[in-house]
Protein backbone atom coordinates (compact mmCIF):
# COMPACT_ATOMS: atom_id res chain seq x y z
CA MET A 1 0.00 0.00 0.00
CA SER A 2 1.21 3.48 -0.77
CA THR A 3 2.73 5.52 2.07
CA ASN A 4 1.29 8.63 0.43
CA GLY A 5 -2.01 10.18 1.35
CA LYS A 6 -5.40 8.97 0.22
CA LEU A 7 -8.12 10.32 -2.04
CA PHE A 8 -11.77 9.74 -1.19
CA VAL A 9 -14.16 10.71 -3.98
CA VAL A 10 -17.43 10.90 -2.11
CA GLY A 11 -20.97 10.97 -3.46
CA PHE A 12 -23.19 12.11 -0.60
CA GLY A 13 -26.56 11.70 -2.29
CA PRO A 14 -29.30 14.32 -2.43
CA GLY A 15 -28.02 16.34 0.50
CA ASN A 16 -29.86 15.33 3.67
CA PHE A 17 -28.13 13.20 6.26
CA GLU A 18 -30.68 10.35 6.12
CA HIS A 19 -29.65 9.49 2.56
CA ILE A 20 -25.87 9.59 2.92
CA THR A 21 -24.12 6.24 3.34
CA LYS A 22 -22.23 5.21 6.46
CA ARG A 23 -19.02 4.81 4.44
CA ALA A 24 -19.35 8.34 3.08
CA VAL A 25 -19.65 9.77 6.61
CA GLU A 26 -16.62 7.77 7.75
CA ALA A 27 -14.54 9.05 4.82
CA LEU A 28 -15.49 12.68 5.49
CA GLN A 29 -14.62 12.43 9.17
CA GLU A 30 -11.37 10.60 8.43
CA SER A 31 -10.15 13.26 5.97
CA ASP A 32 -7.75 16.14 6.59
CA PHE A 33 -9.09 18.17 3.65
CA ILE A 34 -12.62 18.57 2.25
CA ILE A 35 -12.66 19.92 -1.31
CA GLY A 36 -15.86 20.74 -3.16
CA TYR A 37 -18.29 23.18 -4.70
CA LYS A 38 -19.23 25.70 -2.01
CA THR A 39 -22.95 24.83 -2.00
CA TYR A 40 -22.13 21.14 -1.48
CA VAL A 41 -19.73 21.93 1.35
CA GLU A 42 -22.51 23.83 3.11
CA LEU A 43 -24.83 20.81 2.82
CA ILE A 44 -22.43 18.52 4.73
CA GLN A 45 -21.12 21.13 7.19
CA GLY A 46 -22.84 19.37 10.08
CA LEU A 47 -20.74 16.24 9.51
CA LEU A 48 -17.40 18.05 9.65
CA THR A 49 -15.15 18.83 12.60
CA ASP A 50 -11.74 20.45 12.19
CA GLN A 51 -10.95 19.57 8.56
CA THR A 52 -9.43 22.16 6.26
CA ILE A 53 -12.10 23.17 3.76
CA ILE A 54 -11.38 24.32 0.22
CA SER A 55 -14.58 25.42 -1.51
CA THR A 56 -14.80 26.85 -5.01
CA GLY A 57 -17.42 28.06 -7.43
CA MET A 58 -19.30 26.33 -10.22
CA THR A 59 -17.37 25.32 -13.40
CA GLU A 60 -14.11 25.04 -11.39
CA GLU A 61 -14.04 21.24 -11.20
CA VAL A 62 -10.62 20.79 -12.80
CA SER A 63 -8.82 22.96 -10.25
CA ARG A 64 -10.59 21.11 -7.42
CA ALA A 65 -9.33 17.80 -8.77
CA GLN A 66 -5.79 19.17 -9.17
CA GLU A 67 -5.69 20.52 -5.62
CA ALA A 68 -7.02 17.22 -4.23
CA VAL A 69 -4.29 15.23 -5.96
CA LYS A 70 -1.66 17.75 -4.82
CA GLN A 71 -2.68 17.45 -1.15
CA ALA A 72 -2.89 13.65 -1.32
CA GLU A 73 0.63 13.50 -2.77
CA LEU A 74 1.76 15.59 0.21
CA GLY A 75 0.51 12.78 2.47
CA LYS A 76 -2.93 14.14 3.36
CA LYS A 77 -6.26 12.33 3.35
CA VAL A 78 -8.53 14.28 1.04
CA ALA A 79 -12.26 13.97 0.41
CA VAL A 80 -13.48 15.37 -2.90
CA ILE A 81 -17.24 15.68 -2.63
CA SER A 82 -20.05 15.51 -5.17
CA SER A 83 -23.77 15.56 -4.65
CA GLY A 84 -25.58 12.49 -5.89
CA ASP A 85 -23.09 9.90 -7.10
CA ALA A 86 -19.50 11.00 -7.74
CA GLY A 87 -19.38 8.80 -10.85
CA VAL A 88 -22.44 10.39 -12.49
CA TYR A 89 -21.50 13.89 -13.73
CA GLY A 90 -19.40 14.09 -10.57
CA MET A 91 -15.73 14.38 -9.69
CA ALA A 92 -14.59 10.75 -10.04
CA GLY A 93 -13.59 10.92 -13.70
CA LEU A 94 -11.77 14.25 -13.37
CA VAL A 95 -9.75 13.01 -10.40
CA TYR A 96 -8.65 9.98 -12.42
CA GLU A 97 -7.77 12.21 -15.40
CA VAL A 98 -5.53 14.40 -13.22
CA LEU A 99 -3.88 11.30 -11.75
CA ILE A 100 -3.29 9.81 -15.20
CA GLU A 101 -1.69 13.04 -16.42
CA LYS A 102 0.77 12.76 -13.54
CA GLY A 103 1.65 9.14 -14.41
CA TRP A 104 -0.26 7.62 -11.47
CA LYS A 105 -0.25 3.83 -11.04
CA GLU A 106 -2.47 2.03 -8.55
CA GLU A 107 0.39 0.01 -7.06
CA THR A 108 2.72 2.93 -6.38
CA GLY A 109 0.57 6.09 -6.37
CA VAL A 110 -1.81 7.58 -3.84
CA ASP A 111 -4.68 5.38 -2.76
CA ILE A 112 -8.08 6.28 -4.17
CA GLU A 113 -11.53 5.15 -3.09
CA ILE A 114 -14.73 6.02 -4.94
CA ILE A 115 -17.69 6.07 -2.54
CA PRO A 116 -21.08 5.79 -4.28
CA GLY A 117 -24.12 7.88 -3.51
CA ILE A 118 -27.75 8.15 -4.59
CA SER A 119 -27.85 9.90 -7.97
CA ALA A 120 -30.47 12.53 -8.83
CA ILE A 121 -32.30 10.25 -11.26
CA ASN A 122 -33.01 7.88 -8.35
CA SER A 123 -33.75 10.40 -5.59
CA CYS A 124 -36.00 12.51 -7.83
CA ALA A 125 -37.79 9.46 -9.23
CA SER A 126 -38.67 8.36 -5.70
CA LEU A 127 -40.49 11.67 -5.14
CA LEU A 128 -42.42 11.47 -8.42
CA GLY A 129 -43.74 7.92 -8.15
CA ALA A 130 -42.11 5.27 -10.35
CA PRO A 131 -41.12 7.01 -13.60
CA VAL A 132 -37.88 5.07 -14.21
CA MET A 133 -39.24 1.51 -14.37
CA HIS A 134 -38.10 0.86 -17.93
CA ASP A 135 -35.01 1.59 -20.01
CA SER A 136 -33.75 5.07 -19.18
CA CYS A 137 -30.84 7.42 -19.76
CA THR A 138 -29.33 10.54 -18.20
CA ILE A 139 -28.29 13.52 -20.34
CA SER A 140 -26.61 16.67 -19.07
CA LEU A 141 -27.61 19.79 -20.99
CA SER A 142 -24.51 21.67 -19.86
CA ASP A 143 -22.27 22.44 -22.83
CA HIS A 144 -19.43 23.55 -20.56
CA LEU A 145 -17.43 20.41 -21.44
CA THR A 146 -19.49 18.85 -24.26
CA PRO A 147 -20.43 20.55 -27.58
CA TRP A 148 -24.12 21.32 -27.88
CA ASP A 149 -24.41 19.61 -31.28
CA LEU A 150 -23.40 16.32 -29.67
CA ILE A 151 -25.82 16.80 -26.77
CA ALA A 152 -28.66 17.48 -29.24
CA LYS A 153 -27.85 14.25 -31.13
CA ARG A 154 -28.04 12.29 -27.90
CA VAL A 155 -31.39 13.85 -26.98
CA GLU A 156 -32.77 12.92 -30.40
CA ALA A 157 -31.43 9.36 -30.20
CA ALA A 158 -32.99 8.88 -26.76
CA ALA A 159 -36.28 10.34 -27.99
CA MET A 160 -36.35 8.03 -31.02
CA ALA A 161 -35.59 4.95 -28.89
CA ASP A 162 -38.36 5.79 -26.39
CA PHE A 163 -36.09 6.02 -23.35
CA VAL A 164 -37.28 7.56 -20.12
CA ILE A 165 -34.95 10.58 -19.96
CA ALA A 166 -33.49 12.35 -16.93
CA LEU A 167 -32.06 15.79 -17.78
CA TYR A 168 -29.31 17.07 -15.52
CA ASN A 169 -28.13 20.72 -15.45
CA PRO A 170 -31.09 21.77 -17.61
CA ARG A 171 -30.71 25.55 -17.40
CA SER A 172 -28.59 28.23 -15.74
CA GLY A 173 -28.62 32.00 -15.62
CA ARG A 174 -26.58 32.28 -18.83
CA ARG A 175 -27.51 29.00 -20.52
CA THR A 176 -31.21 29.15 -21.39
CA ARG A 177 -31.70 27.97 -24.99
CA GLN A 178 -30.70 24.31 -24.49
CA ILE A 179 -33.82 23.29 -22.57
CA VAL A 180 -35.99 24.98 -25.23
CA GLU A 181 -34.24 23.13 -28.06
CA THR A 182 -34.48 19.88 -26.09
CA GLN A 183 -38.24 20.29 -25.75
CA ASN A 184 -38.54 20.95 -29.50
CA ILE A 185 -36.60 17.77 -30.29
CA LEU A 186 -38.67 15.65 -27.93
CA LEU A 187 -41.97 16.98 -29.30
CA ARG A 188 -41.03 15.58 -32.71
CA TYR A 189 -41.13 12.06 -31.27
CA ARG A 190 -43.42 12.16 -28.23
CA SER A 191 -46.91 13.21 -27.38
CA PRO A 192 -47.28 16.73 -25.97
CA GLU A 193 -49.10 15.09 -23.04
CA THR A 194 -46.10 12.93 -22.08
CA PRO A 195 -45.76 13.19 -18.27
CA VAL A 196 -42.81 15.25 -17.02
CA GLY A 197 -41.57 15.66 -13.46
CA LEU A 198 -39.55 18.68 -12.29
CA VAL A 199 -37.76 18.19 -8.98
CA LYS A 200 -35.70 20.98 -7.44
CA SER A 201 -33.42 20.37 -4.46
CA ALA A 202 -34.66 16.83 -3.78
CA TYR A 203 -34.70 15.99 -0.05
CA ARG A 204 -33.34 19.42 0.88
CA ASP A 205 -35.01 22.26 2.76
CA ARG A 206 -36.12 24.04 -0.42
CA GLN A 207 -37.44 20.93 -2.17
CA ASP A 208 -40.01 21.67 -4.87
CA ILE A 209 -41.90 19.13 -7.00
CA VAL A 210 -43.91 19.92 -10.14
CA ILE A 211 -45.74 17.36 -12.25
CA THR A 212 -46.55 18.63 -15.72
CA ASN A 213 -46.30 17.47 -19.33
CA LEU A 214 -43.94 17.89 -22.25
CA LYS A 215 -45.73 20.80 -23.90
CA ASP A 216 -46.11 22.82 -20.67
CA MET A 217 -42.82 22.04 -18.91
CA LEU A 218 -41.20 25.38 -19.81
CA ASN A 219 -44.01 27.27 -18.10
CA HIS A 220 -42.43 26.30 -14.77
CA ASP A 221 -39.23 27.34 -13.02
CA ILE A 222 -36.27 25.23 -14.18
CA GLY A 223 -32.72 25.91 -13.00
CA MET A 224 -29.40 24.27 -12.22
CA LEU A 225 -30.82 22.62 -9.10
CA THR A 226 -33.68 21.04 -11.08
CA THR A 227 -33.73 17.50 -12.43
CA VAL A 228 -36.20 16.94 -15.28
CA ILE A 229 -37.60 13.43 -15.75
CA ILE A 230 -39.50 12.80 -19.01
CA GLY A 231 -41.59 9.68 -19.44
CA ASN A 232 -41.66 7.32 -22.42
CA SER A 233 -44.63 6.45 -24.63
CA SER A 234 -46.18 4.17 -21.99
CA THR A 235 -45.72 6.48 -18.98
CA PHE A 236 -48.95 7.68 -17.38
CA LEU A 237 -50.24 9.76 -14.48
CA TYR A 238 -52.27 8.30 -11.62
CA ASP A 239 -53.26 10.24 -8.50
CA ASP A 240 -50.51 12.81 -9.08
CA LYS A 241 -47.86 10.14 -9.51
CA ILE A 242 -45.83 9.42 -12.65
CA ILE A 243 -45.80 5.71 -13.43
CA THR A 244 -43.87 3.92 -16.16
CA PRO A 245 -44.90 0.27 -16.63
CA ARG A 246 -42.19 -2.37 -16.39
CA GLY A 247 -42.71 -3.24 -20.05
CA TYR A 248 -44.97 -2.32 -22.96
CA GLN A 249 -47.88 -4.32 -21.47
CA ARG A 250 -46.45 -7.59 -22.79
CA LYS A 251 -45.02 -9.19 -19.67
CA TYR A 252 -47.94 -8.91 -17.28
CA THR A 253 -51.69 -9.15 -17.63
CA LEU A 254 -52.47 -6.72 -14.85
CA ASN A 255 -56.22 -7.15 -14.80
CA SER A 256 -56.20 -10.96 -14.65
CA GLU A 257 -56.40 -12.81 -11.38
CA LYS A 258 -54.21 -15.57 -12.78
CA GLN A 259 -51.13 -14.90 -14.83
CA PRO A 260 -51.08 -16.84 -18.12
CA LEU A 261 -47.38 -17.56 -17.58
CA LYS A 262 -45.73 -18.68 -14.37
CA PRO A 263 -42.69 -16.68 -13.19
CA HIS A 264 -40.19 -19.24 -14.45
CA GLN A 265 -41.96 -19.33 -17.82
CA ARG A 266 -41.79 -15.53 -18.21
CA LEU A 267 -38.00 -15.76 -18.10
CA GLN A 268 -37.83 -18.14 -21.05
CA LYS A 269 -36.94 -16.69 -24.45
CA GLU A 270 -40.15 -17.93 -26.04
CA ALA A 271 -42.17 -15.76 -23.63
CA GLU A 272 -40.28 -12.57 -24.48
CA PRO A 273 -39.74 -12.45 -28.25
CA TRP A 274 -39.29 -8.67 -28.07
CA ALA A 275 -36.25 -8.78 -25.76
CA LEU A 276 -33.07 -7.42 -27.30
CA ASP A 277 -30.98 -10.52 -26.55
CA GLN A 278 -33.18 -12.81 -28.65
CA GLU A 279 -32.16 -14.36 -31.90
CA THR A 280 -34.29 -12.94 -34.69
CA GLY A 281 -35.20 -14.12 -38.14
CA SER A 282 -37.89 -16.18 -39.83
CA MET A 283 -39.28 -18.93 -37.64
CA GLN A 284 -40.15 -21.95 -39.60
CA GLU A 285 -41.54 -25.09 -38.12
CA ALA A 286 -40.12 -28.32 -39.47
CA TYR A 287 -41.56 -31.79 -39.07
CA THR A 288 -38.86 -34.32 -38.36
CA GLU A 289 -39.04 -37.97 -37.54
CA SER A 290 -37.08 -39.47 -34.72
CA THR A 291 -35.29 -42.75 -34.97
CA GLY A 292 -38.14 -44.31 -33.05
CA GLY A 293 -40.65 -43.31 -35.67
CA VAL A 294 -42.25 -40.64 -33.50
CA GLY A 295 -43.03 -37.37 -35.25
CA LEU A 296 -41.51 -34.29 -33.57
CA LEU A 297 -42.42 -30.70 -34.19
CA THR A 298 -39.16 -28.73 -33.97
CA LYS A 299 -37.87 -25.27 -34.86
CA ALA A 300 -35.52 -24.84 -37.74
CA ARG A 301 -32.23 -23.20 -36.71
CA GLU A 302 -32.82 -19.46 -36.66
CA LYS A 303 -30.62 -17.11 -38.66
CA LYS A 304 -28.24 -15.17 -36.44
CA SER A 305 -28.75 -11.42 -36.55
CA THR A 306 -26.23 -8.74 -35.83
CA SER A 307 -26.72 -6.54 -32.76
CA PHE A 308 -27.41 -3.64 -35.12
CA GLU A 309 -30.23 -5.57 -36.84
CA VAL A 310 -31.67 -6.42 -33.43
CA ALA A 311 -31.60 -2.76 -32.42
CA MET A 312 -33.30 -1.72 -35.67
CA GLU A 313 -35.98 -4.35 -35.06
CA ALA A 314 -36.55 -2.94 -31.57
CA LEU A 315 -36.96 0.57 -32.98
CA THR A 316 -39.40 -0.76 -35.57
CA ARG A 317 -41.53 -2.32 -32.83
CA VAL A 318 -41.50 0.87 -30.74
CA LYS A 319 -42.35 3.22 -33.61
CA GLY A 320 -44.77 0.89 -35.36
CA GLN A 321 -43.16 1.47 -38.75
CA THR A 322 -40.20 0.28 -40.71
CA VAL A 323 -36.96 2.05 -39.86
CA GLN A 324 -34.63 2.53 -42.80
CA GLN A 325 -31.16 1.14 -42.12
CA SER A 326 -29.39 4.12 -43.59
CA ILE A 327 -27.08 4.83 -40.68
CA THR A 328 -23.68 3.36 -39.99
CA PRO A 329 -23.81 0.79 -37.17
CA ILE A 330 -20.45 1.91 -35.77
CA VAL A 331 -20.42 5.38 -34.19
CA GLN A 332 -17.16 7.16 -33.56
CA GLN A 333 -17.56 10.62 -32.02
CA LYS A 334 -14.81 12.93 -33.21
CA ILE A 335 -13.04 14.77 -30.42
CA GLU A 336 -12.93 18.42 -31.38
CA SER A 337 -9.83 20.41 -30.38
CA VAL A 338 -10.46 24.09 -29.73
CA PHE A 339 -7.49 26.46 -29.44
CA GLU A 340 -8.18 29.35 -27.05
CA LEU A 341 -6.05 32.47 -26.65
CA ALA A 342 -6.27 36.24 -26.30
CA VAL A 343 -4.78 38.83 -28.66
CA SER A 344 -4.17 42.56 -28.46
CA PRO A 345 -2.20 45.15 -30.45
CA GLY A 346 0.21 45.57 -27.50
CA VAL A 347 0.53 46.58 -23.86
CA ALA A 348 -0.10 50.30 -24.40
CA ASN A 349 -1.40 50.23 -27.96
CA LYS A 350 -5.19 49.89 -28.22
CA GLN A 351 -5.54 50.45 -31.98
CA PHE A 352 -6.07 47.50 -34.32
CA THR A 353 -4.84 47.82 -37.91
CA PRO A 354 -6.84 46.69 -40.97
CA LYS A 355 -4.26 43.95 -41.55
CA GLN A 356 -4.78 42.67 -38.02
CA MET A 357 -8.57 42.58 -38.42
CA MET A 358 -8.22 40.72 -41.72
CA THR A 359 -5.87 38.22 -40.06
CA LEU A 360 -8.38 37.64 -37.28
CA ALA A 361 -11.14 36.94 -39.79
CA GLU A 362 -8.88 34.50 -41.63
CA VAL A 363 -7.71 32.46 -38.63
CA VAL A 364 -11.10 32.37 -36.88
CA GLY A 365 -12.99 31.35 -40.02
CA GLU A 366 -16.65 30.32 -40.04
CA ASN A 367 -16.44 27.87 -37.12
CA GLY A 368 -14.43 29.88 -34.59
CA THR A 369 -15.49 32.76 -32.36
CA MET A 370 -13.94 36.03 -31.21
CA GLU A 371 -15.09 38.16 -28.28
CA TYR A 372 -13.86 41.57 -27.17
CA THR A 373 -13.31 41.73 -23.40
CA PRO A 374 -13.07 44.46 -20.74
CA ASN A 375 -9.35 43.61 -20.55
CA HIS A 376 -8.85 45.31 -23.95
CA LYS A 377 -8.15 41.98 -25.60
CA ILE A 378 -9.99 39.78 -28.07
CA VAL A 379 -10.50 36.18 -26.97
CA LEU A 380 -10.32 33.67 -29.84
CA LYS A 381 -11.72 30.13 -29.83
CA ILE A 382 -10.64 28.31 -32.98
CA PRO A 383 -11.24 24.65 -33.92
CA THR A 384 -7.86 23.45 -35.20
CA THR A 385 -5.44 20.55 -35.14
CA ASP A 386 -2.40 22.80 -35.66
CA PRO A 387 -2.21 25.68 -33.15
CA GLU A 388 1.29 26.62 -34.31
CA VAL A 389 -0.06 27.70 -37.70
CA ILE A 390 -2.56 29.97 -35.93
CA THR A 391 0.03 31.56 -33.64
CA GLY A 392 2.41 32.05 -36.59
CA LYS A 393 -0.16 34.01 -38.55
CA LEU A 394 -1.14 36.13 -35.54
CA GLN A 395 2.44 36.95 -34.64
CA SER A 396 3.20 37.93 -38.23
CA ALA A 397 0.42 40.53 -37.89
CA ASN A 398 2.21 41.92 -34.79
CA PHE A 399 -0.36 40.75 -32.24
CA LEU A 400 0.56 40.32 -28.59
CA LEU A 401 -0.59 36.77 -27.70
CA SER A 402 -1.71 35.74 -24.21
CA PRO A 403 -3.14 32.58 -22.64
CA ILE A 404 -6.58 32.76 -21.02
CA GLY A 405 -8.03 31.28 -17.86
CA ASP A 406 -6.45 31.39 -14.42
CA VAL A 407 -3.40 33.39 -15.50
CA LEU A 408 -1.89 36.80 -14.83
CA THR A 409 -3.18 39.50 -17.16
CA LEU A 410 -1.76 43.02 -17.42
CA LYS A 411 -4.41 45.68 -18.17
CA ALA A 412 -2.61 48.87 -19.10
CA CYS A 413 -4.17 52.17 -20.16
CA ASP A 414 -3.39 53.79 -23.52
CA PHE A 415 -1.12 56.37 -21.84
CA CYS A 416 -3.15 59.14 -23.49
CA ASP A 417 -2.63 57.61 -26.94
CA GLY A 418 1.06 57.16 -26.22
CA GLU A 419 1.75 60.76 -25.23
CA LYS A 420 2.63 59.94 -21.59
CA VAL A 421 5.46 57.54 -22.32
CA GLU A 422 7.52 57.74 -19.12
CA SER A 423 5.99 54.68 -17.39
CA ILE A 424 5.39 52.49 -20.48
CA PRO A 425 8.74 50.62 -20.16
CA TYR A 426 7.73 49.43 -16.69
CA ALA A 427 4.41 48.12 -17.98
CA ASP A 428 6.23 46.33 -20.80
CA GLU A 429 8.66 44.77 -18.32
CA ILE A 430 5.85 43.49 -16.06
CA GLN A 431 4.21 41.93 -19.12
CA ARG A 432 7.50 40.31 -20.14
CA VAL A 433 8.27 38.91 -16.68
CA LEU A 434 4.82 37.97 -15.40
CA GLY A 435 2.31 38.05 -18.26
CA GLY A 436 0.41 34.78 -18.76
CA ILE A 437 1.86 32.79 -15.84
CA ASP A 438 -0.46 30.33 -14.08
CA MET A 439 -2.28 31.58 -10.99
CA PRO A 440 -4.62 30.00 -8.39
CA LYS A 441 -7.30 32.27 -9.87
CA GLU A 442 -7.27 34.84 -12.66
CA LEU A 443 -5.16 37.80 -11.52
CA ASN A 444 -5.47 41.21 -13.16
CA ILE A 445 -2.85 43.91 -12.78
CA GLY A 446 -4.15 47.35 -13.70
CA PHE A 447 -1.51 49.85 -14.83
CA ASN A 448 -2.36 53.52 -15.30
CA GLY A 449 0.14 56.06 -16.62
CA CYS A 450 -1.03 59.12 -14.65
CA GLY A 451 -2.82 60.09 -11.46
CA MET A 452 -6.18 60.34 -13.24
CA ALA A 453 -6.28 56.52 -13.22
CA CYS A 454 -8.98 56.74 -15.88
CA TYR A 455 -8.58 53.06 -16.84
CA SER A 456 -9.65 52.09 -13.29
CA ALA A 457 -6.44 50.38 -12.15
CA VAL A 458 -7.62 50.71 -8.54
CA MET A 459 -10.47 48.27 -9.35
CA ASP A 460 -8.10 45.44 -10.32
CA ASP A 461 -6.50 42.82 -8.07
CA ILE A 462 -3.24 44.78 -8.12
CA GLY A 463 -3.47 48.44 -9.09
CA ILE A 464 -0.44 50.47 -10.18
CA VAL A 465 -0.74 54.24 -10.74
CA PHE A 466 2.18 56.35 -12.01
CA ARG A 467 2.16 59.78 -10.35
CA LYS A 468 4.86 62.46 -10.12
CA GLY A 469 7.57 60.16 -11.37
CA LYS A 470 6.84 57.38 -8.87
CA PHE A 471 4.25 54.65 -8.37
CA ASP A 472 1.31 54.17 -6.01
CA LEU A 473 0.18 50.63 -5.20
CA PHE A 474 -3.31 49.28 -4.48
CA LEU A 475 -4.04 45.69 -3.39
CA GLY A 476 -7.12 43.49 -3.05
CA ALA A 477 -9.88 45.14 -5.06
CA LYS A 478 -13.15 43.22 -5.36
CA PRO A 479 -13.98 44.13 -8.95
CA VAL A 480 -17.46 42.63 -9.31
CA GLY A 481 -20.58 41.95 -7.28
CA ARG A 482 -22.88 44.08 -5.18
CA THR A 483 -20.15 44.47 -2.56
CA ALA A 484 -17.49 45.55 -5.08
CA HIS A 485 -14.81 47.90 -3.78
CA PRO A 486 -11.46 49.34 -4.92
CA GLY A 487 -8.11 48.04 -3.82
CA GLN A 488 -6.60 49.12 -0.53
CA PRO A 489 -3.93 51.83 -0.99
CA VAL A 490 -0.85 50.23 0.57
CA ALA A 491 2.08 52.32 -0.70
CA GLU A 492 2.81 55.66 -2.31
CA GLY A 493 5.96 56.95 -3.99
CA ILE A 494 7.53 53.60 -4.92
CA GLU A 495 10.76 54.19 -6.81
CA PRO A 496 10.55 53.03 -10.46
CA ASP A 497 13.57 50.72 -10.17
CA GLN A 498 11.88 48.87 -7.28
CA LEU A 499 8.49 48.35 -8.94
CA VAL A 500 8.95 45.17 -11.00
CA GLU A 501 10.71 43.28 -8.20
CA LEU A 502 8.00 44.28 -5.69
CA ILE A 503 5.15 43.20 -7.97
CA THR A 504 6.97 39.93 -8.72
CA ASN A 505 7.29 39.18 -4.99
CA ILE A 506 3.59 39.91 -4.39
CA VAL A 507 2.57 37.66 -7.27
CA ASN A 508 4.86 34.83 -6.15
CA GLU A 509 3.55 34.94 -2.57
CA TYR A 510 -0.04 34.77 -3.80
CA LYS A 511 0.75 31.96 -6.22
CA GLN A 512 2.48 29.83 -3.59
CA ASN A 513 0.06 30.31 -0.69
CA ALA A 514 -3.44 30.91 -2.07
CA HIS A 515 -6.04 28.16 -2.31
CA PRO A 516 -7.25 27.12 -5.78
CA ASN A 517 -9.78 29.65 -7.11
CA GLU A 518 -9.09 32.04 -4.21
CA ARG A 519 -9.12 35.59 -5.54
CA LEU A 520 -6.39 37.94 -4.33
CA PHE A 521 -8.77 39.96 -2.15
CA LYS A 522 -9.85 36.78 -0.36
CA TYR A 523 -6.26 35.67 0.13
CA PHE A 524 -5.30 39.13 1.46
CA LYS A 525 -8.17 38.96 3.95
CA ARG A 526 -7.22 35.43 5.08
CA ALA A 527 -3.45 35.97 5.26
CA LYS A 528 -3.79 39.44 6.87
CA LYS A 529 -0.70 40.72 5.07
CA ILE A 530 1.16 40.48 1.76
CA GLN A 531 4.85 41.38 1.56
CA GLY A 532 4.49 43.28 4.82
CA TYR A 533 1.43 45.27 3.72
CA LEU A 534 -1.29 44.82 6.38
CA TYR A 535 -4.88 44.05 5.41
CA GLN A 536 -7.61 46.55 6.21
CA ASP A 537 -11.28 45.77 5.64
CA ILE A 538 -12.64 48.43 3.29
CA ALA A 539 -15.65 46.43 2.07
CA PRO A 540 -19.09 48.09 2.32
CA LYS A 541 -20.58 47.62 5.79
CA ILE A 542 -24.20 47.34 4.68
CA LYS A 543 -25.83 43.91 4.95
CA ILE A 544 -26.69 42.44 1.55
CA GLU A 545 -28.53 39.17 1.04
CA PRO A 546 -26.46 36.63 -0.93
CA ALA A 547 -27.73 35.94 -4.45
CA PRO A 548 -26.13 32.72 -5.76
CA CYS A 549 -26.44 32.81 -9.54
CA GLU A 550 -27.21 29.09 -9.81
CA ASP A 551 -30.32 29.32 -7.62
């Protein structure tokens, strides 16, 4: 067994303590670190004692997995938590991916234990009745990690095959069209009256259950905490419960006192000719004569069918019409590589040339996207198998290229269209030394070339303002939200030859000591000082109710 730490990947079910397994509780209490999405951490707070907690926001799963592996390799016991089951749209796969990237082997690497939990399809189904009694599937509508075109194909395939469908992550504040398109796809294959159950926050304090139908489902509140369960063609409503029969009324004669087949007979192949594991083909009876002269009625050997032919036969039975075999039986989903980067004319230069705009149009093409950002850069997302060709063309047009994500970004002003040139070399040097390096969370350095600070450097994580030949420094701004505030003024009159070294030391301290996804203002508040500069709370003192965007 490894002498390193241990990773627990824990699914804690719907969120109330009655539905969490004993093993999950043991793992949480045994751990040194608890790592998870902040809402999930709050749900299990009552089970924790003195563990170190690292909580992050939505869409930050990769960094959570990386931090968990890092702490386990340092000898710690770490619990990475997911609601529901960690192996169903949870953290289990990402943790393994991070381990694999680091060359992990089970015999020599950190120990890992996946602890199962009740997934949303099961917990929500229990509140609706019995909607998942036949073949079913789960589909996440989040296109954060999966292209929407692929998700739409899966929805259509499930609709055609008459699966009961559970939709996870159906809608968020920014992502609203996917649930509408999903409904449109389903209505092409299913009755508008198909029963639909909407369950929000199953088994939690704010649990909400709505039973509706396919055509009216969008008239109700659907968000990230909602699971949508859509019945198949045999699903029905009874006394406000959604019921899906075990089969298509072939296995059981429900209104007969005596079943025509005994239980052991129902399991024989002859009793279930519609089952997918049956041999199909023409059934011909042949009269043969035994050696004893007794006539025997036997079946001729049936023609073996491929699994694809069996599947097509099943679709034919469900739809009641012949399905044309015009599709390829082998499906290989192409993995699309998207190259992401940011471009700008330069540190101080904010003016794009016609040649640069033409180059952007060429490299982005019809399938890529470009978005102008408040950081005075254009973010490019380009499907390509050869990123070096893209960067070569952009560099030949004299673009400054930068990575995106949790990296350091320098946001300089235009220095009054280049007229106030005295501080530009220092901005260029900061970009050269620090620009684009990896950070625990995106880190913006605002650099303004005069005391007017008209490009709002004081509202960035680190604010630098050139004034009277020297620099003023601001730390820990909270740039967004209803409690936004500028950075704390920590130093005035910094000598120019000391600036780059000072900023480098601040950045290195933050990089080494901050938690994953911990913004600089949060780190400053927690650490109480950075490079000797003491923290002062300058946040607004009014009480404001939290407004989590996912709820």
